Amino acid sequence: MKPLVSVIMSVYNGEQFLQQAIESILSQTYTNWEFIIIDDASNEATRGILSHYSSDGRFRITRQPENKGLTKNLNAGVAMSKGEYIARMDADDISLPNRFQEQVLYLEQNPETVAVFSVVDLIDENGKPAGSWPDDRKAISYEMIRRILPLRNCVAHPTVMIRKKILQQYSYNEKQLHSQDWDLWLRLVNDGKRIEKINKPLLLYRIHNNSVTKISNKKSAFLKIHQSYKPYLQQVWKERKLNWFNFRVWLGFVLNSVKLGISKIKRSIS
C-alpha cells in the first residue's frame, strides 16, 4: 500500500538518541507511513544503529558520501518521498504515539490548512522534563502565529506535518544554513498559506549539549537571527512583495540589528 505519510530525518553522528527517536516512530498508532533517513556521512556508531532497521520495508535509508547539511538533505528526502504528507523528525527527539494519527486527521478535516504543528514538551539529555517554550505555547492559532512569526520563530520544526505538494512548490531555501524552517514558514504565511498548531504536546523536544538549539545559543543569537533574515528579505525585495506582513519582517530585522550592534559593543568593552 502506498504510504500516506513520508517521515524525513537527516542524521549526522546522532547515535546517542537515534534509536529512541526511531522507536518512537515505530510506536505510532497510525501505521501507513514510510521512513526516509538520510545518513549525512555519519560515524560508524550511527551507521551501526541504522543497519538494524535496513531490512524493514518501511525504511528507506540512504548515506551521503560527504556531509551535505540539513537543508540539502531535507530537499533530497522530499524528492524521494511517496506520501501525500511529509512529517519531520529529528534524531534526538521523541514523537508521542498519537502524533501522526492526530495530524493526519487534522489535515484531512481542514483542507485549507497546508501544514500542522503541535506544541512541544522540552526534555533534557536524560529524558527528564525541562519546561516548555513560551512562544510555542503562546502562538497556537494561525492569527497568533502570523503575528509573532515576523519577529521570531514560534513553531517547532520537528513537529510539522505538511502537504507534499506545498513543500514541492516552496522547498527549503538552501541558502539558509541555520533557520531553513523559519524561512519556509515566513514564505508560506506571506503567500496566505494557512499553518496551524494542535494545542497539545505531540513531541518531546530534546535540549542537550550537542543539539542545534543548544549550540546556536552558545553563539550570538542575534547574529544567527540576522543571518536568517537576510536571504528571506533579499527574496522579498527581488520579488517586490511589499506588504504589511513583510513590513513587520523588516521591522524585526531592524530591531534585531540594533540588538546585535549593542551585543558587539558589550563584548568589545568587556
C-alpha atoms as a PDB file:
ATOM      1  CA  MET A   1       0.000   0.000   0.000  1.00  0.00           C
ATOM      2  CA  LYS A   2       1.316   3.437  -0.907  1.00  0.00           C
ATOM      3  CA  PRO A   3       2.218   5.330   2.282  1.00  0.00           C
ATOM      4  CA  LEU A   4       0.190   8.426   3.073  1.00  0.00           C
ATOM      5  CA  VAL A   5       2.893   9.894   5.313  1.00  0.00           C
ATOM      6  CA  SER A   6       6.594  10.170   4.482  1.00  0.00           C
ATOM      7  CA  VAL A   7       8.731  10.765   7.565  1.00  0.00           C
ATOM      8  CA  ILE A   8      12.021  12.514   6.820  1.00  0.00           C
ATOM      9  CA  MET A   9      15.042  12.518   9.123  1.00  0.00           C
ATOM     10  CA  SER A  10      18.578  13.703   8.471  1.00  0.00           C
ATOM     11  CA  VAL A  11      21.146  12.394  10.953  1.00  0.00           C
ATOM     12  CA  TYR A  12      24.802  13.196  11.496  1.00  0.00           C
ATOM     13  CA  ASN A  13      26.638  11.356  14.280  1.00  0.00           C
ATOM     14  CA  GLY A  14      23.413  11.086  16.254  1.00  0.00           C
ATOM     15  CA  GLU A  15      23.951   7.720  17.888  1.00  0.00           C
ATOM     16  CA  GLN A  16      23.251   8.919  21.438  1.00  0.00           C
ATOM     17  CA  PHE A  17      19.493   9.319  20.942  1.00  0.00           C
ATOM     18  CA  LEU A  18      18.895   7.897  17.453  1.00  0.00           C
ATOM     19  CA  GLN A  19      17.421   4.545  18.429  1.00  0.00           C
ATOM     20  CA  GLN A  20      14.948   6.161  20.813  1.00  0.00           C
ATOM     21  CA  ALA A  21      13.858   8.586  18.083  1.00  0.00           C
ATOM     22  CA  ILE A  22      13.346   5.786  15.559  1.00  0.00           C
ATOM     23  CA  GLU A  23      11.468   3.604  18.019  1.00  0.00           C
ATOM     24  CA  SER A  24       9.060   6.480  18.685  1.00  0.00           C
ATOM     25  CA  ILE A  25       8.061   6.320  15.011  1.00  0.00           C
ATOM     26  CA  LEU A  26       7.656   2.552  15.183  1.00  0.00           C
ATOM     27  CA  SER A  27       5.336   3.090  18.163  1.00  0.00           C
ATOM     28  CA  GLN A  28       2.905   5.338  16.269  1.00  0.00           C
ATOM     29  CA  THR A  29      -0.750   4.333  16.396  1.00  0.00           C
ATOM     30  CA  TYR A  30      -1.031   5.491  12.760  1.00  0.00           C
ATOM     31  CA  THR A  31       0.875   2.992  10.620  1.00  0.00           C
ATOM     32  CA  ASN A  32       0.578   3.988   6.943  1.00  0.00           C
ATOM     33  CA  TRP A  33       3.978   5.655   6.692  1.00  0.00           C
ATOM     34  CA  GLU A  34       7.437   5.303   5.194  1.00  0.00           C
ATOM     35  CA  PHE A  35      10.579   6.453   6.993  1.00  0.00           C
ATOM     36  CA  ILE A  36      13.260   8.168   4.890  1.00  0.00           C
ATOM     37  CA  ILE A  37      16.512   8.504   6.819  1.00  0.00           C
ATOM     38  CA  ILE A  38      19.462  10.303   5.255  1.00  0.00           C
ATOM     39  CA  ASP A  39      22.766   9.491   6.925  1.00  0.00           C
ATOM     40  CA  ASP A  40      24.852  12.623   6.386  1.00  0.00           C
ATOM     41  CA  ALA A  41      28.241  10.824   6.301  1.00  0.00           C
ATOM     42  CA  SER A  42      27.990   9.798   9.949  1.00  0.00           C
ATOM     43  CA  ASN A  43      30.387   7.786  12.053  1.00  0.00           C
ATOM     44  CA  GLU A  44      30.388   4.012  12.426  1.00  0.00           C
ATOM     45  CA  ALA A  45      28.253   4.030  15.583  1.00  0.00           C
ATOM     46  CA  THR A  46      25.396   5.824  13.826  1.00  0.00           C
ATOM     47  CA  ARG A  47      25.682   3.565  10.780  1.00  0.00           C
ATOM     48  CA  GLY A  48      25.516   0.534  13.066  1.00  0.00           C
ATOM     49  CA  ILE A  49      22.231   1.648  14.595  1.00  0.00           C
ATOM     50  CA  LEU A  50      20.707   2.352  11.180  1.00  0.00           C
ATOM     51  CA  SER A  51      21.751  -1.067   9.904  1.00  0.00           C
ATOM     52  CA  HIS A  52      19.367  -2.712  12.406  1.00  0.00           C
ATOM     53  CA  TYR A  53      16.419  -1.202  10.509  1.00  0.00           C
ATOM     54  CA  SER A  54      17.608  -1.742   6.932  1.00  0.00           C
ATOM     55  CA  SER A  55      15.590  -4.937   6.477  1.00  0.00           C
ATOM     56  CA  ASP A  56      12.299  -3.232   7.431  1.00  0.00           C
ATOM     57  CA  GLY A  57      10.463  -2.444   4.195  1.00  0.00           C
ATOM     58  CA  ARG A  58       9.033   0.756   5.649  1.00  0.00           C
ATOM     59  CA  PHE A  59      12.523   2.250   5.962  1.00  0.00           C
ATOM     60  CA  ARG A  60      14.463   3.876   3.131  1.00  0.00           C
ATOM     61  CA  ILE A  61      17.951   4.583   4.424  1.00  0.00           C
ATOM     62  CA  THR A  62      20.484   6.355   2.248  1.00  0.00           C
ATOM     63  CA  ARG A  63      24.018   7.502   3.026  1.00  0.00           C
ATOM     64  CA  GLN A  64      25.644  10.686   1.752  1.00  0.00           C
ATOM     65  CA  PRO A  65      29.279  10.234   0.632  1.00  0.00           C
ATOM     66  CA  GLU A  66      30.118  13.554   2.284  1.00  0.00           C
ATOM     67  CA  ASN A  67      28.410  15.891   4.721  1.00  0.00           C
ATOM     68  CA  LYS A  68      25.738  17.900   2.875  1.00  0.00           C
ATOM     69  CA  GLY A  69      23.994  19.658   5.743  1.00  0.00           C
ATOM     70  CA  LEU A  70      20.402  19.545   6.933  1.00  0.00           C
ATOM     71  CA  THR A  71      18.784  21.795   4.322  1.00  0.00           C
ATOM     72  CA  LYS A  72      20.037  19.881   1.277  1.00  0.00           C
ATOM     73  CA  ASN A  73      19.192  16.558   2.909  1.00  0.00           C
ATOM     74  CA  LEU A  74      15.621  17.645   3.619  1.00  0.00           C
ATOM     75  CA  ASN A  75      15.082  18.641  -0.011  1.00  0.00           C
ATOM     76  CA  ALA A  76      16.584  15.318  -1.092  1.00  0.00           C
ATOM     77  CA  GLY A  77      14.233  13.475   1.253  1.00  0.00           C
ATOM     78  CA  VAL A  78      11.202  15.283  -0.147  1.00  0.00           C
ATOM     79  CA  ALA A  79      12.281  14.321  -3.673  1.00  0.00           C
ATOM     80  CA  MET A  80      12.477  10.655  -2.599  1.00  0.00           C
ATOM     81  CA  SER A  81       9.145  10.624  -0.777  1.00  0.00           C
ATOM     82  CA  LYS A  82       5.998   8.807  -1.895  1.00  0.00           C
ATOM     83  CA  GLY A  83       3.482  10.109   0.632  1.00  0.00           C
ATOM     84  CA  GLU A  84       0.911  12.877   0.376  1.00  0.00           C
ATOM     85  CA  TYR A  85       2.080  14.314   3.683  1.00  0.00           C
ATOM     86  CA  ILE A  86       5.632  14.994   4.869  1.00  0.00           C
ATOM     87  CA  ALA A  87       6.389  14.641   8.579  1.00  0.00           C
ATOM     88  CA  ARG A  88       9.678  15.872  10.001  1.00  0.00           C
ATOM     89  CA  MET A  89      11.611  14.022  12.655  1.00  0.00           C
ATOM     90  CA  ASP A  90      14.961  14.765  14.286  1.00  0.00           C
ATOM     91  CA  ALA A  91      17.382  12.163  15.581  1.00  0.00           C
ATOM     92  CA  ASP A  92      17.240  13.359  19.183  1.00  0.00           C
ATOM     93  CA  ASP A  93      13.517  13.932  19.713  1.00  0.00           C
ATOM     94  CA  ILE A  94      10.628  11.625  20.615  1.00  0.00           C
ATOM     95  CA  SER A  95       7.291  11.593  18.775  1.00  0.00           C
ATOM     96  CA  LEU A  96       4.455  10.635  21.084  1.00  0.00           C
ATOM     97  CA  PRO A  97       2.413   7.607  19.905  1.00  0.00           C
ATOM     98  CA  ASN A  98      -0.651   9.577  18.764  1.00  0.00           C
ATOM     99  CA  ARG A  99       1.261  12.257  16.847  1.00  0.00           C
ATOM    100  CA  PHE A 100       0.662  11.046  13.281  1.00  0.00           C
ATOM    101  CA  GLN A 101      -2.912   9.967  13.933  1.00  0.00           C
ATOM    102  CA  GLU A 102      -3.821  13.421  15.244  1.00  0.00           C
ATOM    103  CA  GLN A 103      -2.025  15.300  12.487  1.00  0.00           C
ATOM    104  CA  VAL A 104      -3.369  13.207   9.606  1.00  0.00           C
ATOM    105  CA  LEU A 105      -6.896  13.638  10.964  1.00  0.00           C
ATOM    106  CA  TYR A 106      -6.381  17.406  11.255  1.00  0.00           C
ATOM    107  CA  LEU A 107      -5.166  17.778   7.658  1.00  0.00           C
ATOM    108  CA  GLU A 108      -7.969  15.543   6.357  1.00  0.00           C
ATOM    109  CA  GLN A 109     -10.591  17.605   8.174  1.00  0.00           C
ATOM    110  CA  ASN A 110      -9.058  21.014   7.320  1.00  0.00           C
ATOM    111  CA  PRO A 111      -8.204  21.062   3.601  1.00  0.00           C
ATOM    112  CA  GLU A 112      -7.382  24.786   3.732  1.00  0.00           C
ATOM    113  CA  THR A 113      -4.504  24.098   6.153  1.00  0.00           C
ATOM    114  CA  VAL A 114      -1.196  23.376   4.381  1.00  0.00           C
ATOM    115  CA  ALA A 115       0.812  22.427   7.478  1.00  0.00           C
ATOM    116  CA  VAL A 116       0.014  21.459  11.035  1.00  0.00           C
ATOM    117  CA  PHE A 117       2.345  21.564  14.018  1.00  0.00           C
ATOM    118  CA  SER A 118       1.922  20.782  17.689  1.00  0.00           C
ATOM    119  CA  VAL A 119       3.216  22.298  20.877  1.00  0.00           C
ATOM    120  CA  VAL A 120       6.224  20.548  22.416  1.00  0.00           C
ATOM    121  CA  ASP A 121       7.354  19.498  25.856  1.00  0.00           C
ATOM    122  CA  LEU A 122      11.062  20.070  26.436  1.00  0.00           C
ATOM    123  CA  ILE A 123      13.240  17.287  27.823  1.00  0.00           C
ATOM    124  CA  ASP A 124      16.909  17.153  28.784  1.00  0.00           C
ATOM    125  CA  GLU A 125      19.557  14.638  27.700  1.00  0.00           C
ATOM    126  CA  ASN A 126      18.292  12.196  30.326  1.00  0.00           C
ATOM    127  CA  GLY A 127      14.715  12.422  29.093  1.00  0.00           C
ATOM    128  CA  LYS A 128      13.565  14.407  32.108  1.00  0.00           C
ATOM    129  CA  PRO A 129      11.105  17.328  31.762  1.00  0.00           C
ATOM    130  CA  ALA A 130      12.853  20.620  31.043  1.00  0.00           C
ATOM    131  CA  GLY A 131       9.905  23.004  30.935  1.00  0.00           C
ATOM    132  CA  SER A 132       8.194  24.496  27.908  1.00  0.00           C
ATOM    133  CA  TRP A 133       8.893  27.061  25.198  1.00  0.00           C
ATOM    134  CA  PRO A 134       6.857  30.232  25.931  1.00  0.00           C
ATOM    135  CA  ASP A 135       6.399  31.377  22.317  1.00  0.00           C
ATOM    136  CA  ASP A 136       5.369  27.850  21.334  1.00  0.00           C
ATOM    137  CA  ARG A 137       2.561  27.871  23.903  1.00  0.00           C
ATOM    138  CA  LYS A 138       1.540  31.443  23.067  1.00  0.00           C
ATOM    139  CA  ALA A 139       1.297  31.024  19.272  1.00  0.00           C
ATOM    140  CA  ILE A 140      -1.470  28.445  18.795  1.00  0.00           C
ATOM    141  CA  SER A 141      -3.881  29.911  16.251  1.00  0.00           C
ATOM    142  CA  TYR A 142      -2.971  30.876  12.697  1.00  0.00           C
ATOM    143  CA  GLU A 143      -3.612  34.507  13.587  1.00  0.00           C
ATOM    144  CA  MET A 144      -1.200  34.431  16.534  1.00  0.00           C
ATOM    145  CA  ILE A 145       1.432  32.531  14.536  1.00  0.00           C
ATOM    146  CA  ARG A 146       1.135  35.160  11.794  1.00  0.00           C
ATOM    147  CA  ARG A 147       1.543  37.931  14.386  1.00  0.00           C
ATOM    148  CA  ILE A 148       4.670  36.540  16.070  1.00  0.00           C
ATOM    149  CA  LEU A 149       6.437  34.891  13.119  1.00  0.00           C
ATOM    150  CA  PRO A 150       7.911  38.085  11.567  1.00  0.00           C
ATOM    151  CA  LEU A 151       9.748  38.767  14.829  1.00  0.00           C
ATOM    152  CA  ARG A 152      10.861  35.254  15.809  1.00  0.00           C
ATOM    153  CA  ASN A 153      10.147  31.631  15.069  1.00  0.00           C
ATOM    154  CA  CYS A 154       7.310  30.268  17.191  1.00  0.00           C
ATOM    155  CA  VAL A 155       6.722  26.766  15.757  1.00  0.00           C
ATOM    156  CA  ALA A 156       8.878  23.681  16.318  1.00  0.00           C
ATOM    157  CA  HIS A 157      10.228  22.292  13.050  1.00  0.00           C
ATOM    158  CA  PRO A 158      10.277  18.582  14.069  1.00  0.00           C
ATOM    159  CA  THR A 159       6.537  18.689  14.845  1.00  0.00           C
ATOM    160  CA  VAL A 160       5.436  19.658  11.336  1.00  0.00           C
ATOM    161  CA  MET A 161       3.285  17.589   9.029  1.00  0.00           C
ATOM    162  CA  ILE A 162       2.944  19.392   5.695  1.00  0.00           C
ATOM    163  CA  ARG A 163       1.269  18.646   2.392  1.00  0.00           C
ATOM    164  CA  LYS A 164       3.906  17.377  -0.034  1.00  0.00           C
ATOM    165  CA  LYS A 165       2.595  19.401  -2.974  1.00  0.00           C
ATOM    166  CA  ILE A 166       3.187  22.585  -0.965  1.00  0.00           C
ATOM    167  CA  LEU A 167       6.701  21.545   0.034  1.00  0.00           C
ATOM    168  CA  GLN A 168       7.485  20.670  -3.580  1.00  0.00           C
ATOM    169  CA  GLN A 169       6.297  24.121  -4.611  1.00  0.00           C
ATOM    170  CA  TYR A 170       8.241  26.059  -1.965  1.00  0.00           C
ATOM    171  CA  SER A 171      11.071  23.705  -0.810  1.00  0.00           C
ATOM    172  CA  TYR A 172      13.679  24.596   1.776  1.00  0.00           C
ATOM    173  CA  ASN A 173      15.925  27.518   0.852  1.00  0.00           C
ATOM    174  CA  GLU A 174      19.432  26.052   0.611  1.00  0.00           C
ATOM    175  CA  LYS A 175      20.944  29.499   1.218  1.00  0.00           C
ATOM    176  CA  GLN A 176      19.623  29.208   4.763  1.00  0.00           C
ATOM    177  CA  LEU A 177      22.286  27.461   6.838  1.00  0.00           C
ATOM    178  CA  HIS A 178      20.561  27.850  10.211  1.00  0.00           C
ATOM    179  CA  SER A 179      16.853  28.623  10.056  1.00  0.00           C
ATOM    180  CA  GLN A 180      15.601  26.884   6.933  1.00  0.00           C
ATOM    181  CA  ASP A 181      12.360  26.130   8.743  1.00  0.00           C
ATOM    182  CA  TRP A 182      11.634  29.723   9.817  1.00  0.00           C
ATOM    183  CA  ASP A 183      12.358  30.930   6.279  1.00  0.00           C
ATOM    184  CA  LEU A 184       9.862  28.405   4.900  1.00  0.00           C
ATOM    185  CA  TRP A 185       7.125  29.371   7.362  1.00  0.00           C
ATOM    186  CA  LEU A 186       7.625  33.056   6.542  1.00  0.00           C
ATOM    187  CA  ARG A 187       7.250  32.374   2.814  1.00  0.00           C
ATOM    188  CA  LEU A 188       4.139  30.282   3.332  1.00  0.00           C
ATOM    189  CA  VAL A 189       2.399  32.803   5.568  1.00  0.00           C
ATOM    190  CA  ASN A 190       3.425  35.705   3.347  1.00  0.00           C
ATOM    191  CA  ASP A 191       1.622  33.995   0.463  1.00  0.00           C
ATOM    192  CA  GLY A 192      -1.504  33.482   2.550  1.00  0.00           C
ATOM    193  CA  LYS A 193      -0.969  29.761   3.194  1.00  0.00           C
ATOM    194  CA  ARG A 194      -2.598  28.649   6.403  1.00  0.00           C
ATOM    195  CA  ILE A 195      -0.453  26.897   9.003  1.00  0.00           C
ATOM    196  CA  GLU A 196      -1.985  25.696  12.262  1.00  0.00           C
ATOM    197  CA  LYS A 197      -0.947  24.146  15.556  1.00  0.00           C
ATOM    198  CA  ILE A 198      -2.563  21.416  17.633  1.00  0.00           C
ATOM    199  CA  ASN A 199      -2.735  22.674  21.195  1.00  0.00           C
ATOM    200  CA  LYS A 200      -1.326  19.571  22.848  1.00  0.00           C
ATOM    201  CA  PRO A 201       2.225  18.203  23.018  1.00  0.00           C
ATOM    202  CA  LEU A 202       2.795  15.537  20.372  1.00  0.00           C
ATOM    203  CA  LEU A 203       6.590  15.610  20.531  1.00  0.00           C
ATOM    204  CA  LEU A 204       9.259  15.696  23.224  1.00  0.00           C
ATOM    205  CA  TYR A 205      11.870  18.206  22.088  1.00  0.00           C
ATOM    206  CA  ARG A 206      15.279  17.409  23.499  1.00  0.00           C
ATOM    207  CA  ILE A 207      17.706  20.112  24.618  1.00  0.00           C
ATOM    208  CA  HIS A 208      21.247  18.805  25.147  1.00  0.00           C
ATOM    209  CA  ASN A 209      24.853  19.920  24.656  1.00  0.00           C
ATOM    210  CA  ASN A 210      25.022  18.779  21.020  1.00  0.00           C
ATOM    211  CA  SER A 211      21.552  19.871  19.923  1.00  0.00           C
ATOM    212  CA  VAL A 212      21.182  22.549  17.263  1.00  0.00           C
ATOM    213  CA  THR A 213      19.274  24.752  19.698  1.00  0.00           C
ATOM    214  CA  LYS A 214      21.914  24.477  22.399  1.00  0.00           C
ATOM    215  CA  ILE A 215      24.820  25.060  20.005  1.00  0.00           C
ATOM    216  CA  SER A 216      23.166  28.112  18.444  1.00  0.00           C
ATOM    217  CA  ASN A 217      22.509  29.574  21.882  1.00  0.00           C
ATOM    218  CA  LYS A 218      26.219  29.360  22.648  1.00  0.00           C
ATOM    219  CA  LYS A 219      26.844  31.688  19.723  1.00  0.00           C
ATOM    220  CA  SER A 220      25.327  35.115  19.325  1.00  0.00           C
ATOM    221  CA  ALA A 221      21.597  34.502  18.991  1.00  0.00           C
ATOM    222  CA  PHE A 222      21.243  37.945  17.414  1.00  0.00           C
ATOM    223  CA  LEU A 223      23.848  37.103  14.755  1.00  0.00           C
ATOM    224  CA  LYS A 224      22.081  33.846  13.872  1.00  0.00           C
ATOM    225  CA  ILE A 225      18.739  35.667  13.532  1.00  0.00           C
ATOM    226  CA  HIS A 226      20.408  38.397  11.452  1.00  0.00           C
ATOM    227  CA  GLN A 227      21.839  35.797   9.066  1.00  0.00           C
ATOM    228  CA  SER A 228      18.449  34.086   8.841  1.00  0.00           C
ATOM    229  CA  TYR A 229      16.540  37.266   7.979  1.00  0.00           C
ATOM    230  CA  LYS A 230      18.813  38.263   5.091  1.00  0.00           C
ATOM    231  CA  PRO A 231      18.024  35.564   2.453  1.00  0.00           C
ATOM    232  CA  TYR A 232      14.290  35.951   3.071  1.00  0.00           C
ATOM    233  CA  LEU A 233      14.362  39.760   2.797  1.00  0.00           C
ATOM    234  CA  GLN A 234      16.589  39.643  -0.283  1.00  0.00           C
ATOM    235  CA  GLN A 235      13.995  37.442  -1.977  1.00  0.00           C
ATOM    236  CA  VAL A 236      11.151  39.707  -0.828  1.00  0.00           C
ATOM    237  CA  TRP A 237      12.926  42.722  -2.317  1.00  0.00           C
ATOM    238  CA  LYS A 238      13.659  40.871  -5.564  1.00  0.00           C
ATOM    239  CA  GLU A 239      10.025  39.859  -5.979  1.00  0.00           C
ATOM    240  CA  ARG A 240       8.714  43.230  -4.727  1.00  0.00           C
ATOM    241  CA  LYS A 241       6.466  41.562  -2.144  1.00  0.00           C
ATOM    242  CA  LEU A 242       5.984  44.757  -0.185  1.00  0.00           C
ATOM    243  CA  ASN A 243       3.059  44.268   2.182  1.00  0.00           C
ATOM    244  CA  TRP A 244       2.157  44.686   5.842  1.00  0.00           C
ATOM    245  CA  PHE A 245       3.440  41.243   6.809  1.00  0.00           C
ATOM    246  CA  ASN A 246       6.841  41.895   5.248  1.00  0.00           C
ATOM    247  CA  PHE A 247       6.956  45.380   6.743  1.00  0.00           C
ATOM    248  CA  ARG A 248       6.820  43.658  10.118  1.00  0.00           C
ATOM    249  CA  VAL A 249       9.596  41.292   8.997  1.00  0.00           C
ATOM    250  CA  TRP A 250      11.711  44.325   8.042  1.00  0.00           C
ATOM    251  CA  LEU A 251      10.920  45.838  11.432  1.00  0.00           C
ATOM    252  CA  GLY A 252      12.037  42.638  13.145  1.00  0.00           C
ATOM    253  CA  PHE A 253      15.263  42.737  11.134  1.00  0.00           C
ATOM    254  CA  VAL A 254      15.961  46.338  12.169  1.00  0.00           C
ATOM    255  CA  LEU A 255      15.239  45.670  15.850  1.00  0.00           C
ATOM    256  CA  ASN A 256      17.464  42.589  15.814  1.00  0.00           C
ATOM    257  CA  SER A 257      20.245  44.541  14.043  1.00  0.00           C
ATOM    258  CA  VAL A 258      20.168  47.094  16.850  1.00  0.00           C
ATOM    259  CA  LYS A 259      20.405  44.327  19.456  1.00  0.00           C
ATOM    260  CA  LEU A 260      23.259  42.725  17.503  1.00  0.00           C
ATOM    261  CA  GLY A 261      25.125  46.037  17.459  1.00  0.00           C
ATOM    262  CA  ILE A 262      24.654  46.508  21.191  1.00  0.00           C
ATOM    263  CA  SER A 263      25.858  42.974  21.915  1.00  0.00           C
ATOM    264  CA  LYS A 264      29.024  43.582  19.845  1.00  0.00           C
ATOM    265  CA  ILE A 265      29.738  46.771  21.774  1.00  0.00           C
ATOM    266  CA  LYS A 266      29.269  44.984  25.094  1.00  0.00           C
ATOM    267  CA  ARG A 267      31.637  42.208  24.038  1.00  0.00           C
ATOM    268  CA  SER A 268      34.268  44.673  22.860  1.00  0.00           C
ATOM    269  CA  ILE A 269      34.354  46.537  26.188  1.00  0.00           C
ATOM    270  CA  SER A 270      34.053  43.507  28.449  1.00  0.00           C
END
